[in-house]
Amino acid sequence: MLIAAAVTAIFCWKIIPGTIVDRAVFTGIAHIFDKSPFFISGNGSHAKAWKLQSIAEKSDSAQTPAPAIVSLGDDLEGFFQSSPASPIDLAVILSNFQRLGVKKAATAAALAWDAPDPIGLAALDKAIGGFESLVMAAPLSRGAVPEPVPPAFRRASIAIDAIHGDTALLPVVNRIPLPGIILGGGSTLAGFQALESEPDAEFVQLIARWNDRAVFAFPLLTALQQLGLTVDGVEIQMGKSIKLGPVGPIISIDSYGRMALPLKTASLPPIIPAETLIDRSEPLFSSKAIEPVILRDDRSLAEPGTRKFSEQLPAVIFTITSGAALYPERDYPRIPIYLELMLLFILILLLAAICTLPTSQRKMAFLLIITDCLFIQAVAAGYAHLWLPGIPALAATLSAVLFSYGKNIMAKFRALFLTPQPLNFQP
């Protein structure tokens, strides 16, 4: 029994960490002490201990309002040079943003023209470079000849291999259908406003695949910009969620990369006509908490897809930023190796001693050991945040139980079937 229990304990101590059994036990104990939804990472080893991060729903008072909208309308009174707005008009609008104290901005309108004025493009490029942070938008599609990912989209993307789960259902794109679109210089980020190769869906598309990169929707990038987070901190579980940074928020998604929850409209942002910025002297907003300011295309002659995108934009951003928050991660480290082996060795000696007891006392002792293994493992994880070698200890105990009662069973088997029985003949 001593050898059997020792071999079982060492084998499980070496093999169990990181397996589905170890994860299932950790998950079960976590559910006992933490009733809220949570994320589990790590593998239960000494090098990479289990980590638990709980989800906390935001209260209405803690929800982040959607950014303010500057509306680029039909310009019926002729404030700008042309309608739709020319590059020089956009340069004037963005320069007014900066004059009125805006440091973070986003342009939800696609900046593309058939024959733009070179002077206007130079002015627009200068205005774009004046922001601390700028997110731009463009439609994406899928063509027969793929194009390389533009720098602005690449900076706002992550590797497909960094996504957890199956990415086979993500929509595939490989080009921008608007030639000559303006995406800014070396610091701007770009997200898609629409996927022309995909049919309209009830829920908003947040992720698409371009070659070996996962690119994001414009509202998601704007939400990151508003929260002061970066794309590098985005963690995606396909079919489950997108986690924006170490402490959230979290957005539910389906297997296609679409937002899997209805839009919230509880906090509508202020909408300011772009022409009112020309003569405005006071700061655009009294608080920086509502940056970035979004320039939106609200023209009545815009394409239906563009109008739908503009109408939904505030609600989509508000829904993303109002997602569930995350508490800081809690570590569940293991005790030093020599202490784990010492505890298992003491347990094995105790099991060997129990096997010498009478049957009734042995049963009670084994039951007590099994109960203690489960109780100590749960209490150490729930209150001390330690992950003890409880599973190897339990396996060694069960091995001792089988060895102890297996010996009695074999003895009865031999006595019944292998021992010669005298023949009784009745006269």
Protein backbone atom coordinates (compact mmCIF):
# COMPACT_ATOMS: atom_id res chain seq x y z
CA MET A 1 0.00 0.00 0.00
CA LEU A 2 2.83 2.37 0.85
CA ILE A 3 4.36 1.94 -2.61
CA ALA A 4 1.00 2.20 -4.40
CA ALA A 5 -0.01 5.38 -2.58
CA ALA A 6 3.42 6.98 -3.10
CA VAL A 7 3.46 6.20 -6.84
CA THR A 8 -0.10 7.53 -7.25
CA ALA A 9 0.66 10.72 -5.32
CA ILE A 10 3.85 11.54 -7.25
CA PHE A 11 2.27 10.68 -10.61
CA CYS A 12 -0.74 12.94 -9.99
CA TRP A 13 1.42 15.70 -8.48
CA LYS A 14 3.44 15.73 -11.70
CA ILE A 15 0.67 15.28 -14.26
CA ILE A 16 -2.53 16.87 -12.87
CA PRO A 17 -1.62 20.64 -12.90
CA GLY A 18 -3.10 22.34 -15.95
CA THR A 19 -5.31 19.41 -16.96
CA ILE A 20 -9.07 19.54 -17.36
CA VAL A 21 -9.42 17.83 -13.97
CA ASP A 22 -7.39 20.48 -12.17
CA ARG A 23 -9.23 23.28 -13.96
CA ALA A 24 -12.63 21.72 -13.18
CA VAL A 25 -11.79 21.49 -9.47
CA PHE A 26 -10.51 25.08 -9.39
CA THR A 27 -13.62 26.29 -11.25
CA GLY A 28 -15.92 24.43 -8.86
CA ILE A 29 -14.24 25.93 -5.80
CA ALA A 30 -14.29 29.40 -7.40
CA HIS A 31 -18.06 29.09 -7.92
CA ILE A 32 -18.49 28.36 -4.21
CA PHE A 33 -16.73 31.53 -3.05
CA ASP A 34 -17.46 33.89 -5.98
CA LYS A 35 -21.04 34.04 -7.24
CA SER A 36 -20.37 36.63 -9.95
CA PRO A 37 -19.17 35.61 -13.44
CA PHE A 38 -15.40 35.38 -13.75
CA PHE A 39 -12.47 34.65 -16.07
CA ILE A 40 -9.83 32.01 -15.27
CA SER A 41 -6.27 32.09 -16.60
CA GLY A 42 -3.05 30.26 -15.80
CA ASN A 43 -2.58 26.50 -15.57
CA GLY A 44 -2.13 25.77 -11.87
CA SER A 45 1.62 25.14 -12.07
CA HIS A 46 4.33 26.73 -9.95
CA ALA A 47 5.46 28.84 -12.92
CA LYS A 48 1.97 29.91 -14.02
CA ALA A 49 -0.47 29.84 -11.12
CA TRP A 50 -4.24 29.99 -11.47
CA LYS A 51 -5.63 33.53 -11.78
CA LEU A 52 -9.23 34.58 -11.21
CA GLN A 53 -10.83 37.82 -12.39
CA SER A 54 -14.43 38.54 -11.43
CA ILE A 55 -16.93 40.56 -13.43
CA ALA A 56 -18.84 43.44 -11.83
CA GLU A 57 -21.82 45.04 -13.54
CA LYS A 58 -21.60 48.81 -13.69
CA SER A 59 -24.23 50.88 -11.96
CA ASP A 60 -26.02 53.59 -13.91
CA SER A 61 -24.00 56.28 -12.15
CA ALA A 62 -20.70 54.57 -13.07
CA GLN A 63 -21.46 54.27 -16.77
CA THR A 64 -19.32 56.34 -19.12
CA PRO A 65 -21.31 58.75 -21.32
CA ALA A 66 -20.91 58.54 -25.08
CA PRO A 67 -18.57 61.09 -26.70
CA ALA A 68 -19.98 64.30 -28.12
CA ILE A 69 -20.92 64.41 -31.80
CA VAL A 70 -20.12 67.19 -34.27
CA SER A 71 -22.57 66.79 -37.14
CA LEU A 72 -21.49 67.36 -40.72
CA GLY A 73 -24.89 68.04 -42.34
CA ASP A 74 -26.20 69.34 -45.65
CA ASP A 75 -24.84 72.90 -45.11
CA LEU A 76 -27.93 74.55 -46.57
CA GLU A 77 -26.67 78.04 -45.68
CA GLY A 78 -23.35 77.57 -47.48
CA PHE A 79 -20.89 77.95 -44.60
CA PHE A 80 -18.37 75.64 -46.28
CA GLN A 81 -16.74 75.65 -49.68
CA SER A 82 -18.73 72.72 -51.05
CA SER A 83 -21.18 69.99 -50.13
CA PRO A 84 -20.13 67.31 -49.48
CA ALA A 85 -17.32 68.99 -47.61
CA SER A 86 -14.01 69.36 -49.45
CA PRO A 87 -10.57 68.67 -47.93
CA ILE A 88 -10.13 72.33 -47.04
CA ASP A 89 -13.51 72.30 -45.29
CA LEU A 90 -12.48 69.29 -43.23
CA ALA A 91 -9.18 71.00 -42.43
CA VAL A 92 -11.10 74.03 -41.13
CA ILE A 93 -13.40 71.88 -38.99
CA LEU A 94 -10.56 69.88 -37.46
CA SER A 95 -8.52 73.04 -36.86
CA ASN A 96 -11.51 74.48 -35.00
CA PHE A 97 -11.56 71.33 -32.86
CA GLN A 98 -8.00 72.06 -31.78
CA ARG A 99 -8.63 75.78 -31.32
CA LEU A 100 -11.49 74.97 -28.95
CA GLY A 101 -9.38 72.65 -26.79
CA VAL A 102 -10.06 69.21 -28.27
CA LYS A 103 -7.05 66.88 -27.95
CA LYS A 104 -8.72 63.58 -28.92
CA ALA A 105 -10.91 63.30 -31.99
CA ALA A 106 -12.42 60.71 -34.31
CA THR A 107 -13.73 61.09 -37.85
CA ALA A 108 -16.60 58.71 -38.51
CA ALA A 109 -16.91 60.09 -42.06
CA ALA A 110 -14.73 58.45 -44.71
CA LEU A 111 -12.33 61.08 -46.08
CA ALA A 112 -12.16 60.33 -49.81
CA TRP A 113 -12.59 62.53 -52.89
CA ASP A 114 -12.45 61.90 -56.64
CA ALA A 115 -10.21 64.87 -57.54
CA PRO A 116 -9.08 66.60 -54.34
CA ASP A 117 -7.30 69.95 -54.28
CA PRO A 118 -3.61 69.40 -53.40
CA ILE A 119 -3.57 72.55 -51.25
CA GLY A 120 -6.65 71.37 -49.37
CA LEU A 121 -5.07 67.94 -48.83
CA ALA A 122 -1.93 69.57 -47.42
CA ALA A 123 -4.04 71.65 -45.02
CA LEU A 124 -6.04 68.57 -44.01
CA ASP A 125 -2.87 66.58 -43.39
CA LYS A 126 -1.57 69.34 -41.13
CA ALA A 127 -4.85 69.47 -39.20
CA ILE A 128 -4.84 65.69 -38.74
CA GLY A 129 -1.33 65.81 -37.32
CA GLY A 130 -2.33 68.33 -34.63
CA PHE A 131 -4.25 65.88 -32.39
CA GLU A 132 -2.83 63.84 -29.55
CA SER A 133 -5.05 60.97 -30.66
CA LEU A 134 -7.13 60.53 -33.81
CA VAL A 135 -9.23 57.57 -34.99
CA MET A 136 -10.39 57.45 -38.60
CA ALA A 137 -12.97 55.33 -40.44
CA ALA A 138 -13.18 53.54 -43.77
CA PRO A 139 -15.38 50.88 -45.34
CA LEU A 140 -13.76 47.51 -46.06
CA SER A 141 -14.56 44.85 -48.62
CA ARG A 142 -13.23 41.65 -50.13
CA GLY A 143 -11.85 41.61 -53.67
CA ALA A 144 -10.17 39.16 -56.02
CA VAL A 145 -6.79 40.88 -55.58
CA PRO A 146 -5.84 41.35 -51.91
CA GLU A 147 -4.10 44.50 -50.72
CA PRO A 148 -1.67 44.88 -47.82
CA VAL A 149 -3.08 46.14 -44.54
CA PRO A 150 -2.70 49.97 -44.44
CA PRO A 151 -0.50 51.27 -41.61
CA ALA A 152 -3.39 52.97 -39.79
CA PHE A 153 -5.38 49.73 -39.77
CA ARG A 154 -2.31 47.66 -38.80
CA ARG A 155 -1.59 49.90 -35.81
CA ALA A 156 -5.18 49.35 -34.67
CA SER A 157 -5.12 45.56 -35.09
CA ILE A 158 -3.90 42.44 -33.32
CA ALA A 159 -2.55 39.16 -34.64
CA ILE A 160 -5.15 36.51 -35.44
CA ASP A 161 -3.09 34.04 -33.39
CA ALA A 162 -3.66 36.22 -30.30
CA ILE A 163 -7.39 35.47 -30.38
CA HIS A 164 -8.63 32.61 -28.22
CA GLY A 165 -10.97 30.18 -29.91
CA ASP A 166 -11.98 29.40 -33.47
CA THR A 167 -11.70 32.37 -35.85
CA ALA A 168 -12.98 30.54 -38.93
CA LEU A 169 -16.32 32.39 -38.91
CA LEU A 170 -14.84 35.90 -38.84
CA PRO A 171 -15.67 37.90 -42.01
CA VAL A 172 -12.66 38.22 -44.30
CA VAL A 173 -11.66 41.52 -45.92
CA ASN A 174 -8.64 42.46 -48.01
CA ARG A 175 -9.12 45.97 -49.43
CA ILE A 176 -10.59 49.46 -49.02
CA PRO A 177 -13.11 50.06 -51.80
CA LEU A 178 -12.50 53.85 -51.84
CA PRO A 179 -9.37 54.80 -53.81
CA GLY A 180 -7.23 57.54 -52.33
CA ILE A 181 -8.89 57.53 -48.92
CA ILE A 182 -7.16 59.65 -46.27
CA LEU A 183 -6.10 57.68 -43.16
CA GLY A 184 -3.65 60.12 -41.60
CA GLY A 185 0.01 59.90 -40.74
CA GLY A 186 2.15 57.86 -38.42
CA SER A 187 0.03 58.06 -35.26
CA THR A 188 -3.57 57.77 -36.44
CA LEU A 189 -5.63 54.59 -36.03
CA ALA A 190 -8.30 53.36 -38.41
CA GLY A 191 -11.35 51.15 -37.96
CA PHE A 192 -14.03 49.97 -40.35
CA GLN A 193 -17.43 51.64 -40.54
CA ALA A 194 -18.94 48.93 -42.73
CA LEU A 195 -18.05 45.60 -44.40
CA GLU A 196 -19.37 45.83 -47.94
CA SER A 197 -18.86 42.11 -48.59
CA GLU A 198 -21.09 41.13 -45.65
CA PRO A 199 -24.90 41.29 -45.51
CA ASP A 200 -26.58 43.57 -43.02
CA ALA A 201 -27.00 41.87 -39.66
CA GLU A 202 -29.09 42.66 -36.63
CA PHE A 203 -26.04 43.06 -34.40
CA VAL A 204 -23.01 45.29 -34.94
CA GLN A 205 -19.86 43.71 -36.42
CA LEU A 206 -16.84 44.44 -34.21
CA ILE A 207 -14.06 42.25 -35.69
CA ALA A 208 -12.93 41.27 -39.20
CA ARG A 209 -9.93 39.40 -40.55
CA TRP A 210 -7.45 41.01 -42.94
CA ASN A 211 -4.67 38.57 -43.84
CA ASP A 212 -3.07 37.56 -40.53
CA ARG A 213 -4.49 40.51 -38.59
CA ALA A 214 -7.77 41.12 -36.76
CA VAL A 215 -9.03 44.63 -37.50
CA PHE A 216 -11.70 46.37 -35.42
CA ALA A 217 -14.78 48.47 -35.98
CA PHE A 218 -14.55 52.24 -35.64
CA PRO A 219 -16.87 52.36 -32.57
CA LEU A 220 -14.68 49.88 -30.70
CA LEU A 221 -11.53 51.89 -31.37
CA THR A 222 -13.30 55.09 -30.33
CA ALA A 223 -14.37 53.42 -27.08
CA LEU A 224 -10.75 52.43 -26.42
CA GLN A 225 -9.69 55.99 -27.15
CA GLN A 226 -12.28 57.37 -24.74
CA LEU A 227 -11.23 54.98 -21.96
CA GLY A 228 -7.52 55.65 -22.47
CA LEU A 229 -6.82 52.02 -23.43
CA THR A 230 -4.75 50.51 -26.23
CA VAL A 231 -5.39 47.77 -28.76
CA ASP A 232 -2.57 45.70 -27.27
CA GLY A 233 -4.63 45.14 -24.12
CA VAL A 234 -7.66 43.74 -25.96
CA GLU A 235 -8.36 40.07 -25.16
CA ILE A 236 -10.82 38.17 -27.36
CA GLN A 237 -12.61 34.90 -26.61
CA MET A 238 -14.42 33.99 -29.82
CA GLY A 239 -18.08 33.27 -29.22
CA LYS A 240 -17.83 34.73 -25.71
CA SER A 241 -16.41 38.18 -25.13
CA ILE A 242 -14.03 41.03 -25.89
CA LYS A 243 -12.21 42.37 -22.85
CA LEU A 244 -10.89 45.90 -23.25
CA GLY A 245 -7.82 46.08 -21.06
CA PRO A 246 -6.98 44.50 -17.69
CA VAL A 247 -10.03 45.88 -15.86
CA GLY A 248 -12.65 45.83 -18.61
CA PRO A 249 -15.15 46.65 -19.83
CA ILE A 250 -16.36 43.37 -21.33
CA ILE A 251 -18.58 43.03 -24.41
CA SER A 252 -20.35 39.81 -25.32
CA ILE A 253 -19.77 38.64 -28.91
CA ASP A 254 -20.87 35.70 -31.03
CA SER A 255 -18.74 33.33 -33.12
CA TYR A 256 -18.84 35.79 -36.06
CA GLY A 257 -17.31 38.67 -34.06
CA ARG A 258 -20.61 40.54 -33.73
CA MET A 259 -21.84 42.28 -30.60
CA ALA A 260 -24.22 39.83 -28.92
CA LEU A 261 -26.31 42.25 -26.88
CA PRO A 262 -28.85 45.01 -27.63
CA LEU A 263 -27.75 48.62 -27.90
CA LYS A 264 -28.16 50.96 -24.93
CA THR A 265 -29.45 54.49 -25.45
CA ALA A 266 -29.75 55.76 -21.88
CA SER A 267 -27.11 58.50 -22.25
CA LEU A 268 -27.30 60.40 -25.54
CA PRO A 269 -24.40 62.76 -26.26
CA PRO A 270 -24.80 66.38 -27.33
CA ILE A 271 -24.89 66.89 -31.12
CA ILE A 272 -23.29 70.11 -32.40
CA PRO A 273 -23.58 71.32 -36.01
CA ALA A 274 -20.14 71.67 -37.58
CA GLU A 275 -20.85 75.19 -38.89
CA THR A 276 -21.35 76.54 -35.34
CA LEU A 277 -17.67 75.94 -34.58
CA ILE A 278 -16.49 78.62 -37.02
CA ASP A 279 -17.35 81.65 -34.86
CA ARG A 280 -17.24 79.89 -31.49
CA SER A 281 -14.78 81.37 -28.99
CA GLU A 282 -15.41 79.51 -25.71
CA PRO A 283 -14.03 75.98 -25.22
CA LEU A 284 -16.10 73.31 -26.89
CA PHE A 285 -16.66 71.42 -23.63
CA SER A 286 -16.11 72.16 -19.98
CA SER A 287 -14.84 68.67 -19.18
CA LYS A 288 -12.33 66.42 -20.92
CA ALA A 289 -14.21 63.34 -19.74
CA ILE A 290 -16.34 63.34 -22.88
CA GLU A 291 -13.43 63.30 -25.34
CA PRO A 292 -12.92 62.22 -28.05
CA VAL A 293 -15.15 64.45 -30.12
CA ILE A 294 -16.56 62.60 -33.13
CA LEU A 295 -17.10 64.16 -36.53
CA ARG A 296 -20.10 62.36 -38.05
CA ASP A 297 -21.52 62.37 -41.57
CA ASP A 298 -25.20 63.34 -41.25
CA ARG A 299 -25.87 64.38 -44.85
CA SER A 300 -29.32 63.46 -46.15
CA LEU A 301 -27.79 62.40 -49.47
CA ALA A 302 -25.35 59.99 -47.86
CA GLU A 303 -25.69 56.30 -48.67
CA PRO A 304 -28.18 54.32 -46.54
CA GLY A 305 -25.38 52.30 -44.95
CA THR A 306 -23.57 55.49 -43.95
CA ARG A 307 -26.73 57.02 -42.47
CA LYS A 308 -27.44 53.86 -40.48
CA PHE A 309 -23.85 53.79 -39.21
CA SER A 310 -24.07 57.45 -38.14
CA GLU A 311 -27.40 56.95 -36.36
CA GLN A 312 -26.20 53.93 -34.40
CA LEU A 313 -22.75 55.28 -33.56
CA PRO A 314 -23.48 56.96 -30.16
CA ALA A 315 -25.49 53.98 -28.92
CA VAL A 316 -22.82 51.47 -30.02
CA ILE A 317 -20.02 53.40 -28.28
CA PHE A 318 -22.14 53.86 -25.14
CA THR A 319 -22.96 50.12 -25.09
CA ILE A 320 -19.28 49.19 -25.39
CA THR A 321 -18.04 51.56 -22.70
CA SER A 322 -20.91 50.60 -20.38
CA GLY A 323 -20.07 46.91 -20.49
CA ALA A 324 -19.36 44.97 -17.33
CA ALA A 325 -16.21 45.97 -15.44
CA LEU A 326 -13.52 43.67 -14.06
CA TYR A 327 -12.04 43.44 -10.61
CA PRO A 328 -8.22 43.10 -10.45
CA GLU A 329 -6.90 39.57 -10.95
CA ARG A 330 -6.35 37.39 -7.89
CA ASP A 331 -3.42 34.95 -7.92
CA TYR A 332 -3.64 31.45 -6.44
CA PRO A 333 0.03 30.43 -6.12
CA ARG A 334 1.18 27.00 -5.01
CA ILE A 335 3.34 26.49 -1.93
CA PRO A 336 7.04 25.61 -2.46
CA ILE A 337 7.77 22.21 -3.99
CA TYR A 338 9.55 20.83 -0.93
CA LEU A 339 6.56 21.66 1.28
CA GLU A 340 4.14 19.96 -1.13
CA LEU A 341 6.26 16.80 -1.24
CA MET A 342 6.63 16.84 2.54
CA LEU A 343 2.86 17.06 3.04
CA LEU A 344 2.28 14.18 0.61
CA PHE A 345 4.95 12.07 2.35
CA ILE A 346 3.33 12.64 5.76
CA LEU A 347 -0.06 11.73 4.30
CA ILE A 348 1.31 8.49 2.82
CA LEU A 349 2.76 7.44 6.18
CA LEU A 350 -0.58 8.24 7.80
CA LEU A 351 -2.40 6.11 5.22
CA ALA A 352 -0.03 3.20 5.86
CA ALA A 353 -0.79 3.41 9.55
CA ILE A 354 -4.55 3.53 8.89
CA CYS A 355 -4.37 0.31 6.90
CA THR A 356 -3.36 -1.55 10.08
CA LEU A 357 -6.58 -0.58 11.89
CA PRO A 358 -9.63 -2.80 12.18
CA THR A 359 -12.18 -2.56 9.39
CA SER A 360 -14.68 -0.23 11.04
CA GLN A 361 -12.00 2.18 12.29
CA ARG A 362 -10.23 2.05 8.94
CA LYS A 363 -13.41 3.07 7.10
CA MET A 364 -13.95 5.99 9.44
CA ALA A 365 -10.32 7.12 9.11
CA PHE A 366 -10.37 6.97 5.31
CA LEU A 367 -13.63 8.94 5.19
CA LEU A 368 -12.13 11.57 7.50
CA ILE A 369 -8.99 11.87 5.33
CA ILE A 370 -11.03 12.30 2.13
CA THR A 371 -13.26 14.92 3.75
CA ASP A 372 -10.25 16.81 5.10
CA CYS A 373 -8.55 16.82 1.67
CA LEU A 374 -11.61 18.43 0.09
CA PHE A 375 -12.23 20.86 2.95
CA ILE A 376 -8.63 22.07 3.27
CA GLN A 377 -8.29 22.50 -0.49
CA ALA A 378 -11.46 24.61 -0.67
CA VAL A 379 -10.67 26.73 2.39
CA ALA A 380 -7.07 27.37 1.31
CA ALA A 381 -8.25 28.53 -2.13
CA GLY A 382 -11.28 30.48 -0.94
CA TYR A 383 -9.73 32.36 1.96
CA ALA A 384 -5.92 32.13 1.69
CA HIS A 385 -5.80 32.19 -2.14
CA LEU A 386 -3.42 29.21 -2.18
CA TRP A 387 -3.63 26.18 -4.45
CA LEU A 388 -2.56 23.12 -2.45
CA PRO A 389 -1.79 19.63 -3.85
CA GLY A 390 -5.24 18.42 -2.79
CA ILE A 391 -5.90 16.35 -5.91
CA PRO A 392 -2.69 14.23 -5.56
CA ALA A 393 -3.49 13.79 -1.85
CA LEU A 394 -7.01 12.65 -2.66
CA ALA A 395 -5.73 10.29 -5.36
CA ALA A 396 -3.22 8.73 -2.93
CA THR A 397 -6.00 8.24 -0.38
CA LEU A 398 -8.28 6.54 -2.91
CA SER A 399 -5.36 4.34 -3.94
CA ALA A 400 -4.90 3.29 -0.32
CA VAL A 401 -8.62 2.56 -0.02
CA LEU A 402 -8.61 0.36 -3.11
CA PHE A 403 -5.47 -1.43 -1.96
CA SER A 404 -6.85 -2.02 1.52
CA TYR A 405 -10.23 -3.36 0.47
CA GLY A 406 -8.85 -5.04 -2.63
CA LYS A 407 -6.74 -7.24 -0.38
CA ASN A 408 -9.83 -8.42 1.52
CA ILE A 409 -11.73 -9.01 -1.71
CA MET A 410 -8.91 -11.12 -3.17
CA ALA A 411 -8.70 -13.15 0.02
CA LYS A 412 -12.42 -13.92 -0.15
CA PHE A 413 -12.11 -14.76 -3.86
CA ARG A 414 -9.30 -17.21 -3.20
CA ALA A 415 -11.17 -18.80 -0.31
CA LEU A 416 -14.32 -19.19 -2.39
CA PHE A 417 -12.98 -20.29 -5.77
CA LEU A 418 -9.36 -21.40 -5.42
CA THR A 419 -9.35 -23.36 -2.16
CA PRO A 420 -10.27 -27.09 -2.66
CA GLN A 421 -13.53 -28.00 -0.96
CA PRO A 422 -14.16 -31.46 0.64
CA LEU A 423 -16.73 -33.61 -1.11
CA ASN A 424 -19.67 -34.69 1.01
CA PHE A 425 -21.40 -37.87 -0.16
CA GLN A 426 -24.75 -38.74 1.33
CA PRO A 427 -25.39 -42.44 1.75
